[in-house]
Structures are given as structure tokens and as C-alpha cells.
Amino acid sequence: MAPFGKKGARTPSTPSRIPAVLRVGALSRPSKPSGPNELLMSGMLLGPGGANLPQFTVVVPPFVAGPSQGMELRANVDSTNLDLVTLTLPVGVTPAPTQPSQNAGGWDPGPGGGHNRALADWLAAQGFLSSDFGPTLVGRPGLADCLDQAAARYVSVVPPGVDLTLTQSGEPVQGQVTAVQVLPFPAQLLPSPKACMTWLTLAVTPQFGSPYPVTIRMGFSSPQRFAQLATIGTRLPLRRDPDNRMLVTIDAPPVFS
């Protein structure tokens, strides 16, 4: 099957193909279907380039078991052009004649932005933030905002740059770990096989006032650092925004300590 979902795609030669996996994150009707039985499919492509968020349109005829959220589809990426992706689709499912990235705009947010919201909800529930995908989100209008809003339901989202400001001039407060959840982060987004990403729920105690809970995302470089800092009862020095008590950061060097 020829690659699809990228403008000007061609079939990569066999020696240049690198195995990858697409984790399906969202399925919905396209904004402007080019034919019947079409589904818009987006997800997280894990391969040689780290993590990308491609989008495809597939045709799923009636009574055919199509892709589902969370399903992993085998893929191949052209080593000479990481935008050229070949997917192995379920039996009976085919690529649609027109793909989102071949249209003006290059990304379909779905009717009323519903596809963006579904993908953002799926990513946020696994612990992802818009900062994890960097420039990848530039060509996906509205997705970064949707992801930040979805992530805020799970964790305190400190905007890029604000965390540095907080460590320099934020109000000192104390935190105590009350809950820990290890996130299902793919190896491609971690600095080493021993690293992990977590949600830490902290009881934040200001100098004046009562303790209150805040959940932050924090990475650890090794099991030893995880055991030292991510244990129930561990106390951590924090800094918070005096104008927004939910914006909290560790008063120390940072992610993957």
C-alpha cells in the first residue's frame, strides 16, 4: 500500500523503510468528506523521529471492523523523509482518495473542532502537554490550545518560561507528596530507558494559610531518584505564583532530576 496522509507521498524503497507504530488517538467524521464511509484518524506516531502527530482519512465500509482508539497500527517511515508514512490498516479498511495534509491548511480539526478536542483529551489523559510536541503542533491549528485545556483537568500546566520565572521570583512554599502516578510515556519521549514521567499530587502549604492540593508533572532520570523524591510523605521545596496559587514548580533544577 502506498503511503498516505502526506502531500506528494511516494512509495519508499524497501531499504529506506524504518519500522514505526501509530497509536490511534481520535476517530471522527471529516469536516468535508470526499466520499461515503470516511473516518478522520489521528494519533501518535512513534518511530525514528521521536513522536509525531499525523492525520489520515480512511474508508471503513459497513460491517468492517475499523481502527479504534488506542489501537496500535504497524507503520513504516521513509528514513530520507520522515513525513512519508506507510500504514498497515485493518482488513477491509483503505485510505481515502483525499488526505488532510494534501488539502489547504494541512490539518482537519473536525466539525466544530471536535476532532481536535477528542485527540487532546486522549493525549492529556496519558499525561502529555503541548510542549512535548513542540514545532509539530504548528501545522495543527487549535490543537495546542485544546491540549493545554484538556491537560489542565489533570495537572497544573505552567506555561513555557513561567516555570523559570517562578524558580527565580516565585513565593517559597512547602509541598508534601500525597499521591504518585507513573504515566505511560513512550520510550521515544524519555531521555533514557531508566527514566519515567509522573504526576505528583502535593499538599502545598503556604507561609500563611491552609494546605491545598496541586498535581504537577515531574520526570525522574532513574529509579533511585524516583524512590528519593516520589515517595508518599516526601517534602519538597516549591515556588508558586502569588497571583495564581495553582501555578507551582519545584524549587530546584527540574524535570528529570
C-alpha atoms as a PDB file:
ATOM      1  CA  MET A   1       0.000   0.000   0.000  1.00  0.00           C
ATOM      2  CA  ALA A   2       1.355   3.423  -0.907  1.00  0.00           C
ATOM      3  CA  PRO A   3       1.956   5.976   1.841  1.00  0.00           C
ATOM      4  CA  PHE A   4      -0.876   8.370   2.512  1.00  0.00           C
ATOM      5  CA  GLY A   5      -1.609  11.360   4.690  1.00  0.00           C
ATOM      6  CA  LYS A   6       1.309  13.432   3.377  1.00  0.00           C
ATOM      7  CA  LYS A   7       1.394  15.639   0.335  1.00  0.00           C
ATOM      8  CA  GLY A   8       3.388  14.293  -2.545  1.00  0.00           C
ATOM      9  CA  ALA A   9       3.841  10.913  -0.899  1.00  0.00           C
ATOM     10  CA  ARG A  10       5.560   8.176  -2.833  1.00  0.00           C
ATOM     11  CA  THR A  11       6.280   4.556  -2.038  1.00  0.00           C
ATOM     12  CA  PRO A  12       9.612   4.416  -0.196  1.00  0.00           C
ATOM     13  CA  SER A  13      12.128   1.871  -1.398  1.00  0.00           C
ATOM     14  CA  THR A  14      12.443  -1.168   0.864  1.00  0.00           C
ATOM     15  CA  PRO A  15      15.942  -0.396   2.236  1.00  0.00           C
ATOM     16  CA  SER A  16      14.823   3.064   3.417  1.00  0.00           C
ATOM     17  CA  ARG A  17      11.828   1.882   5.442  1.00  0.00           C
ATOM     18  CA  ILE A  18      12.106   2.114   9.217  1.00  0.00           C
ATOM     19  CA  PRO A  19       9.511   0.374  11.441  1.00  0.00           C
ATOM     20  CA  ALA A  20       7.231   2.609  13.490  1.00  0.00           C
ATOM     21  CA  VAL A  21       3.913   2.356  15.335  1.00  0.00           C
ATOM     22  CA  LEU A  22       0.844   4.571  15.130  1.00  0.00           C
ATOM     23  CA  ARG A  23      -1.226   4.697  18.320  1.00  0.00           C
ATOM     24  CA  VAL A  24      -4.706   5.731  17.251  1.00  0.00           C
ATOM     25  CA  GLY A  25      -5.931   8.620  19.398  1.00  0.00           C
ATOM     26  CA  ALA A  26      -9.025  10.053  17.723  1.00  0.00           C
ATOM     27  CA  LEU A  27     -11.563   8.998  15.085  1.00  0.00           C
ATOM     28  CA  SER A  28     -14.354  11.188  13.736  1.00  0.00           C
ATOM     29  CA  ARG A  29     -16.110  12.266  10.587  1.00  0.00           C
ATOM     30  CA  PRO A  30     -14.031  14.627   8.408  1.00  0.00           C
ATOM     31  CA  SER A  31     -15.172  18.210   8.036  1.00  0.00           C
ATOM     32  CA  LYS A  32     -15.592  17.739   4.281  1.00  0.00           C
ATOM     33  CA  PRO A  33     -15.784  14.037   3.337  1.00  0.00           C
ATOM     34  CA  SER A  34     -14.742  13.262  -0.232  1.00  0.00           C
ATOM     35  CA  GLY A  35     -16.819  10.083  -0.222  1.00  0.00           C
ATOM     36  CA  PRO A  36     -19.002   7.774   1.926  1.00  0.00           C
ATOM     37  CA  ASN A  37     -17.836   5.825   4.985  1.00  0.00           C
ATOM     38  CA  GLU A  38     -14.840   8.069   5.605  1.00  0.00           C
ATOM     39  CA  LEU A  39     -13.232   8.483   9.027  1.00  0.00           C
ATOM     40  CA  LEU A  40     -10.664  11.043  10.085  1.00  0.00           C
ATOM     41  CA  MET A  41      -7.921   9.297  12.067  1.00  0.00           C
ATOM     42  CA  SER A  42      -5.187  10.952  14.118  1.00  0.00           C
ATOM     43  CA  GLY A  43      -2.729   9.567  16.596  1.00  0.00           C
ATOM     44  CA  MET A  44       0.811   9.417  17.875  1.00  0.00           C
ATOM     45  CA  LEU A  45       3.436   8.023  15.529  1.00  0.00           C
ATOM     46  CA  LEU A  46       6.365   6.548  17.457  1.00  0.00           C
ATOM     47  CA  GLY A  47       9.431   5.961  15.360  1.00  0.00           C
ATOM     48  CA  PRO A  48      12.907   7.179  14.452  1.00  0.00           C
ATOM     49  CA  GLY A  49      11.961  10.838  14.702  1.00  0.00           C
ATOM     50  CA  GLY A  50      10.572  10.543  18.238  1.00  0.00           C
ATOM     51  CA  ALA A  51       6.846  11.267  18.447  1.00  0.00           C
ATOM     52  CA  ASN A  52       4.786  12.910  15.734  1.00  0.00           C
ATOM     53  CA  LEU A  53       1.048  13.555  15.381  1.00  0.00           C
ATOM     54  CA  PRO A  54      -0.009  12.588  11.842  1.00  0.00           C
ATOM     55  CA  GLN A  55      -3.533  12.577  10.482  1.00  0.00           C
ATOM     56  CA  PHE A  56      -5.128  10.342   7.868  1.00  0.00           C
ATOM     57  CA  THR A  57      -8.522   9.725   6.313  1.00  0.00           C
ATOM     58  CA  VAL A  58      -9.607   6.106   5.905  1.00  0.00           C
ATOM     59  CA  VAL A  59     -12.627   4.403   4.376  1.00  0.00           C
ATOM     60  CA  VAL A  60     -14.377   1.905   6.662  1.00  0.00           C
ATOM     61  CA  PRO A  61     -17.198   0.115   4.818  1.00  0.00           C
ATOM     62  CA  PRO A  62     -20.307  -1.054   6.739  1.00  0.00           C
ATOM     63  CA  PHE A  63     -19.803  -4.227   8.815  1.00  0.00           C
ATOM     64  CA  VAL A  64     -15.994  -3.853   8.671  1.00  0.00           C
ATOM     65  CA  ALA A  65     -14.073  -3.602  11.945  1.00  0.00           C
ATOM     66  CA  GLY A  66     -12.183  -0.350  11.562  1.00  0.00           C
ATOM     67  CA  PRO A  67      -9.494   1.249  13.724  1.00  0.00           C
ATOM     68  CA  SER A  68     -10.377   2.102  17.318  1.00  0.00           C
ATOM     69  CA  GLN A  69      -8.952   4.464  19.901  1.00  0.00           C
ATOM     70  CA  GLY A  70      -5.815   3.023  21.489  1.00  0.00           C
ATOM     71  CA  MET A  71      -5.232   0.517  18.682  1.00  0.00           C
ATOM     72  CA  GLU A  72      -1.633   0.218  17.506  1.00  0.00           C
ATOM     73  CA  LEU A  73      -1.096   0.054  13.754  1.00  0.00           C
ATOM     74  CA  ARG A  74       2.177  -1.032  12.212  1.00  0.00           C
ATOM     75  CA  ALA A  75       3.811   1.665  10.136  1.00  0.00           C
ATOM     76  CA  ASN A  76       6.912   2.297   8.075  1.00  0.00           C
ATOM     77  CA  VAL A  77       8.672   5.643   7.811  1.00  0.00           C
ATOM     78  CA  ASP A  78      10.970   6.628   4.949  1.00  0.00           C
ATOM     79  CA  SER A  79      14.389   7.357   6.509  1.00  0.00           C
ATOM     80  CA  THR A  80      15.057  10.007   3.863  1.00  0.00           C
ATOM     81  CA  ASN A  81      11.792  11.837   4.562  1.00  0.00           C
ATOM     82  CA  LEU A  82      10.077  11.208   7.902  1.00  0.00           C
ATOM     83  CA  ASP A  83       6.841  12.683   6.533  1.00  0.00           C
ATOM     84  CA  LEU A  84       6.391   9.665   4.253  1.00  0.00           C
ATOM     85  CA  VAL A  85       4.427   7.106   6.265  1.00  0.00           C
ATOM     86  CA  THR A  86       3.002   3.750   5.230  1.00  0.00           C
ATOM     87  CA  LEU A  87       0.316   2.215   7.476  1.00  0.00           C
ATOM     88  CA  THR A  88      -0.865  -1.364   7.738  1.00  0.00           C
ATOM     89  CA  LEU A  89      -4.631  -0.942   8.104  1.00  0.00           C
ATOM     90  CA  PRO A  90      -7.186  -3.499   9.364  1.00  0.00           C
ATOM     91  CA  VAL A  91      -8.602  -5.831   6.727  1.00  0.00           C
ATOM     92  CA  GLY A  92     -11.186  -4.080   4.574  1.00  0.00           C
ATOM     93  CA  VAL A  93     -10.072  -0.556   5.533  1.00  0.00           C
ATOM     94  CA  THR A  94      -8.495   1.584   2.806  1.00  0.00           C
ATOM     95  CA  PRO A  95      -7.051   5.094   2.564  1.00  0.00           C
ATOM     96  CA  ALA A  96      -9.459   7.725   1.265  1.00  0.00           C
ATOM     97  CA  PRO A  97      -8.712   9.378  -2.088  1.00  0.00           C
ATOM     98  CA  THR A  98      -8.077  12.749  -0.426  1.00  0.00           C
ATOM     99  CA  GLN A  99      -5.888  13.130   2.646  1.00  0.00           C
ATOM    100  CA  PRO A 100      -5.970  16.050   5.139  1.00  0.00           C
ATOM    101  CA  SER A 101      -2.365  17.117   4.589  1.00  0.00           C
ATOM    102  CA  GLN A 102      -2.978  17.361   0.848  1.00  0.00           C
ATOM    103  CA  ASN A 103      -5.691  19.964   1.349  1.00  0.00           C
ATOM    104  CA  ALA A 104      -5.282  23.672   2.033  1.00  0.00           C
ATOM    105  CA  GLY A 105      -4.478  24.078   5.719  1.00  0.00           C
ATOM    106  CA  GLY A 106      -2.962  20.632   6.074  1.00  0.00           C
ATOM    107  CA  TRP A 107      -4.924  19.585   9.179  1.00  0.00           C
ATOM    108  CA  ASP A 108      -8.629  18.938   9.733  1.00  0.00           C
ATOM    109  CA  PRO A 109      -9.790  19.876  13.265  1.00  0.00           C
ATOM    110  CA  GLY A 110     -13.084  18.089  12.578  1.00  0.00           C
ATOM    111  CA  PRO A 111     -16.591  19.584  12.540  1.00  0.00           C
ATOM    112  CA  GLY A 112     -16.659  22.355  15.139  1.00  0.00           C
ATOM    113  CA  GLY A 113     -13.150  21.386  16.277  1.00  0.00           C
ATOM    114  CA  GLY A 114     -14.460  18.110  17.708  1.00  0.00           C
ATOM    115  CA  HIS A 115     -11.628  16.002  16.329  1.00  0.00           C
ATOM    116  CA  ASN A 116      -9.024  18.257  17.950  1.00  0.00           C
ATOM    117  CA  ARG A 117     -10.816  18.000  21.291  1.00  0.00           C
ATOM    118  CA  ALA A 118     -11.028  14.203  21.095  1.00  0.00           C
ATOM    119  CA  LEU A 119      -7.320  13.877  20.293  1.00  0.00           C
ATOM    120  CA  ALA A 120      -6.397  16.382  23.016  1.00  0.00           C
ATOM    121  CA  ASP A 121      -8.498  14.517  25.617  1.00  0.00           C
ATOM    122  CA  TRP A 122      -6.777  11.241  24.713  1.00  0.00           C
ATOM    123  CA  LEU A 123      -3.297  12.759  24.931  1.00  0.00           C
ATOM    124  CA  ALA A 124      -3.995  14.649  28.166  1.00  0.00           C
ATOM    125  CA  ALA A 125      -5.328  11.540  29.939  1.00  0.00           C
ATOM    126  CA  GLN A 126      -1.929   9.917  29.326  1.00  0.00           C
ATOM    127  CA  GLY A 127      -0.058  12.896  30.743  1.00  0.00           C
ATOM    128  CA  PHE A 128       1.025  14.744  27.603  1.00  0.00           C
ATOM    129  CA  LEU A 129       1.363  18.516  27.351  1.00  0.00           C
ATOM    130  CA  SER A 130       1.563  20.634  24.223  1.00  0.00           C
ATOM    131  CA  SER A 131       5.245  21.303  24.984  1.00  0.00           C
ATOM    132  CA  ASP A 132       6.006  17.608  24.392  1.00  0.00           C
ATOM    133  CA  PHE A 133       5.352  18.036  20.671  1.00  0.00           C
ATOM    134  CA  GLY A 134       6.952  21.435  20.075  1.00  0.00           C
ATOM    135  CA  PRO A 135       7.017  22.510  16.401  1.00  0.00           C
ATOM    136  CA  THR A 136       4.849  19.506  15.463  1.00  0.00           C
ATOM    137  CA  LEU A 137       1.773  21.447  16.641  1.00  0.00           C
ATOM    138  CA  VAL A 138       2.444  24.496  14.487  1.00  0.00           C
ATOM    139  CA  GLY A 139       0.709  22.933  11.490  1.00  0.00           C
ATOM    140  CA  ARG A 140      -2.242  21.695  13.536  1.00  0.00           C
ATOM    141  CA  PRO A 141      -4.457  24.759  14.149  1.00  0.00           C
ATOM    142  CA  GLY A 142      -6.196  24.812  17.507  1.00  0.00           C
ATOM    143  CA  LEU A 143      -4.704  21.553  18.786  1.00  0.00           C
ATOM    144  CA  ALA A 144      -2.168  23.121  21.175  1.00  0.00           C
ATOM    145  CA  ASP A 145      -4.867  25.169  22.931  1.00  0.00           C
ATOM    146  CA  CYS A 146      -7.155  22.128  23.125  1.00  0.00           C
ATOM    147  CA  LEU A 147      -4.350  20.052  24.641  1.00  0.00           C
ATOM    148  CA  ASP A 148      -3.460  22.690  27.241  1.00  0.00           C
ATOM    149  CA  GLN A 149      -7.117  22.977  28.252  1.00  0.00           C
ATOM    150  CA  ALA A 150      -7.524  19.199  28.464  1.00  0.00           C
ATOM    151  CA  ALA A 151      -4.284  18.757  30.432  1.00  0.00           C
ATOM    152  CA  ALA A 152      -5.388  21.372  32.964  1.00  0.00           C
ATOM    153  CA  ARG A 153      -8.099  18.943  34.102  1.00  0.00           C
ATOM    154  CA  TYR A 154      -5.389  16.613  35.361  1.00  0.00           C
ATOM    155  CA  VAL A 155      -2.368  18.709  36.272  1.00  0.00           C
ATOM    156  CA  SER A 156      -1.204  22.260  36.896  1.00  0.00           C
ATOM    157  CA  VAL A 157       0.022  23.484  33.489  1.00  0.00           C
ATOM    158  CA  VAL A 158       2.763  26.078  33.886  1.00  0.00           C
ATOM    159  CA  PRO A 159       3.239  27.956  30.587  1.00  0.00           C
ATOM    160  CA  PRO A 160       6.715  27.722  28.998  1.00  0.00           C
ATOM    161  CA  GLY A 161       9.049  30.282  30.524  1.00  0.00           C
ATOM    162  CA  VAL A 162       6.841  30.861  33.547  1.00  0.00           C
ATOM    163  CA  ASP A 163       8.427  27.921  35.399  1.00  0.00           C
ATOM    164  CA  LEU A 164      11.834  29.636  35.167  1.00  0.00           C
ATOM    165  CA  THR A 165      10.327  32.899  36.408  1.00  0.00           C
ATOM    166  CA  LEU A 166       8.734  31.070  39.329  1.00  0.00           C
ATOM    167  CA  THR A 167      12.016  29.455  40.402  1.00  0.00           C
ATOM    168  CA  GLN A 168      13.626  32.891  40.410  1.00  0.00           C
ATOM    169  CA  SER A 169      10.956  35.083  41.941  1.00  0.00           C
ATOM    170  CA  GLY A 170       8.014  32.900  42.998  1.00  0.00           C
ATOM    171  CA  GLU A 171       6.743  32.742  46.548  1.00  0.00           C
ATOM    172  CA  PRO A 172       8.523  29.989  48.549  1.00  0.00           C
ATOM    173  CA  VAL A 173       6.120  27.342  49.876  1.00  0.00           C
ATOM    174  CA  GLN A 174       6.404  23.793  51.127  1.00  0.00           C
ATOM    175  CA  GLY A 175       4.999  20.706  49.461  1.00  0.00           C
ATOM    176  CA  GLN A 176       4.443  17.151  50.631  1.00  0.00           C
ATOM    177  CA  VAL A 177       3.833  14.252  48.260  1.00  0.00           C
ATOM    178  CA  THR A 178       0.397  12.723  48.861  1.00  0.00           C
ATOM    179  CA  ALA A 179      -0.048  10.636  45.675  1.00  0.00           C
ATOM    180  CA  VAL A 180       2.084   9.389  42.781  1.00  0.00           C
ATOM    181  CA  GLN A 181       1.029   8.104  39.355  1.00  0.00           C
ATOM    182  CA  VAL A 182       3.570   6.830  36.828  1.00  0.00           C
ATOM    183  CA  LEU A 183       2.498   7.848  33.324  1.00  0.00           C
ATOM    184  CA  PRO A 184       2.531   5.511  30.296  1.00  0.00           C
ATOM    185  CA  PHE A 185       5.124   7.571  28.434  1.00  0.00           C
ATOM    186  CA  PRO A 186       6.667   6.005  25.309  1.00  0.00           C
ATOM    187  CA  ALA A 187      10.425   5.429  25.403  1.00  0.00           C
ATOM    188  CA  GLN A 188      10.870   7.835  22.470  1.00  0.00           C
ATOM    189  CA  LEU A 189       9.912  10.746  24.735  1.00  0.00           C
ATOM    190  CA  LEU A 190      12.126   9.813  27.679  1.00  0.00           C
ATOM    191  CA  PRO A 191      15.844  10.633  27.968  1.00  0.00           C
ATOM    192  CA  SER A 192      16.847   7.071  28.896  1.00  0.00           C
ATOM    193  CA  PRO A 193      15.352   3.592  29.411  1.00  0.00           C
ATOM    194  CA  LYS A 194      15.506   4.087  33.189  1.00  0.00           C
ATOM    195  CA  ALA A 195      13.645   7.393  33.202  1.00  0.00           C
ATOM    196  CA  CYS A 196       9.947   7.845  33.930  1.00  0.00           C
ATOM    197  CA  MET A 197       7.348  10.604  33.941  1.00  0.00           C
ATOM    198  CA  THR A 198       4.860  11.017  36.770  1.00  0.00           C
ATOM    199  CA  TRP A 199       2.011  13.032  38.161  1.00  0.00           C
ATOM    200  CA  LEU A 200       2.802  14.080  41.725  1.00  0.00           C
ATOM    201  CA  THR A 201      -0.036  15.304  43.914  1.00  0.00           C
ATOM    202  CA  LEU A 202       1.290  17.652  46.570  1.00  0.00           C
ATOM    203  CA  ALA A 203      -0.170  19.188  49.678  1.00  0.00           C
ATOM    204  CA  VAL A 204       1.034  22.776  49.263  1.00  0.00           C
ATOM    205  CA  THR A 205       1.485  24.705  52.483  1.00  0.00           C
ATOM    206  CA  PRO A 206       1.998  28.483  52.161  1.00  0.00           C
ATOM    207  CA  GLN A 207       3.606  30.539  54.891  1.00  0.00           C
ATOM    208  CA  PHE A 208       0.193  31.867  55.801  1.00  0.00           C
ATOM    209  CA  GLY A 209      -2.913  29.809  55.084  1.00  0.00           C
ATOM    210  CA  SER A 210      -4.115  26.239  54.925  1.00  0.00           C
ATOM    211  CA  PRO A 211      -2.630  23.393  52.833  1.00  0.00           C
ATOM    212  CA  TYR A 212      -4.269  22.705  49.472  1.00  0.00           C
ATOM    213  CA  PRO A 213      -3.680  20.052  46.775  1.00  0.00           C
ATOM    214  CA  VAL A 214      -1.898  20.629  43.467  1.00  0.00           C
ATOM    215  CA  THR A 215      -0.878  17.966  40.945  1.00  0.00           C
ATOM    216  CA  ILE A 216       2.263  18.618  38.914  1.00  0.00           C
ATOM    217  CA  ARG A 217       4.062  16.616  36.248  1.00  0.00           C
ATOM    218  CA  MET A 218       7.618  15.606  37.073  1.00  0.00           C
ATOM    219  CA  GLY A 219      10.149  13.352  35.392  1.00  0.00           C
ATOM    220  CA  PHE A 220      12.837  11.248  37.036  1.00  0.00           C
ATOM    221  CA  SER A 221      16.084  10.116  35.458  1.00  0.00           C
ATOM    222  CA  SER A 222      16.406   6.868  37.423  1.00  0.00           C
ATOM    223  CA  PRO A 223      14.576   4.546  39.834  1.00  0.00           C
ATOM    224  CA  GLN A 224      16.834   5.862  42.599  1.00  0.00           C
ATOM    225  CA  ARG A 225      15.713   9.463  42.090  1.00  0.00           C
ATOM    226  CA  PHE A 226      12.115   8.318  41.833  1.00  0.00           C
ATOM    227  CA  ALA A 227      12.432   6.489  45.185  1.00  0.00           C
ATOM    228  CA  GLN A 228      14.044   9.528  46.820  1.00  0.00           C
ATOM    229  CA  LEU A 229      11.504  12.118  45.719  1.00  0.00           C
ATOM    230  CA  ALA A 230       8.306  10.371  44.649  1.00  0.00           C
ATOM    231  CA  THR A 231       7.503   8.638  47.920  1.00  0.00           C
ATOM    232  CA  ILE A 232       4.342   9.440  49.872  1.00  0.00           C
ATOM    233  CA  GLY A 233       5.287  11.866  52.627  1.00  0.00           C
ATOM    234  CA  THR A 234       8.384  13.296  50.923  1.00  0.00           C
ATOM    235  CA  ARG A 235       8.712  17.044  51.442  1.00  0.00           C
ATOM    236  CA  LEU A 236       9.738  19.242  48.511  1.00  0.00           C
ATOM    237  CA  PRO A 237      10.584  22.965  48.399  1.00  0.00           C
ATOM    238  CA  LEU A 238       8.280  24.742  45.970  1.00  0.00           C
ATOM    239  CA  ARG A 239       7.694  28.128  44.406  1.00  0.00           C
ATOM    240  CA  ARG A 240       4.251  29.384  43.481  1.00  0.00           C
ATOM    241  CA  ASP A 241       2.796  32.298  41.586  1.00  0.00           C
ATOM    242  CA  PRO A 242       1.453  34.725  44.226  1.00  0.00           C
ATOM    243  CA  ASP A 243      -1.374  35.665  41.837  1.00  0.00           C
ATOM    244  CA  ASN A 244      -2.336  32.076  40.977  1.00  0.00           C
ATOM    245  CA  ARG A 245      -1.804  29.568  43.739  1.00  0.00           C
ATOM    246  CA  MET A 246      -2.223  26.622  41.346  1.00  0.00           C
ATOM    247  CA  LEU A 247       0.912  27.554  39.369  1.00  0.00           C
ATOM    248  CA  VAL A 248       3.579  25.676  41.288  1.00  0.00           C
ATOM    249  CA  THR A 249       7.052  24.446  40.412  1.00  0.00           C
ATOM    250  CA  ILE A 250       9.794  22.561  42.230  1.00  0.00           C
ATOM    251  CA  ASP A 251      12.319  24.960  43.770  1.00  0.00           C
ATOM    252  CA  ALA A 252      15.262  23.122  42.250  1.00  0.00           C
ATOM    253  CA  PRO A 253      16.543  22.151  38.798  1.00  0.00           C
ATOM    254  CA  PRO A 254      13.768  20.404  37.223  1.00  0.00           C
ATOM    255  CA  VAL A 255      12.297  17.733  35.083  1.00  0.00           C
ATOM    256  CA  PHE A 256      14.274  14.502  35.082  1.00  0.00           C
ATOM    257  CA  SER A 257      16.112  15.309  38.295  1.00  0.00           C
END
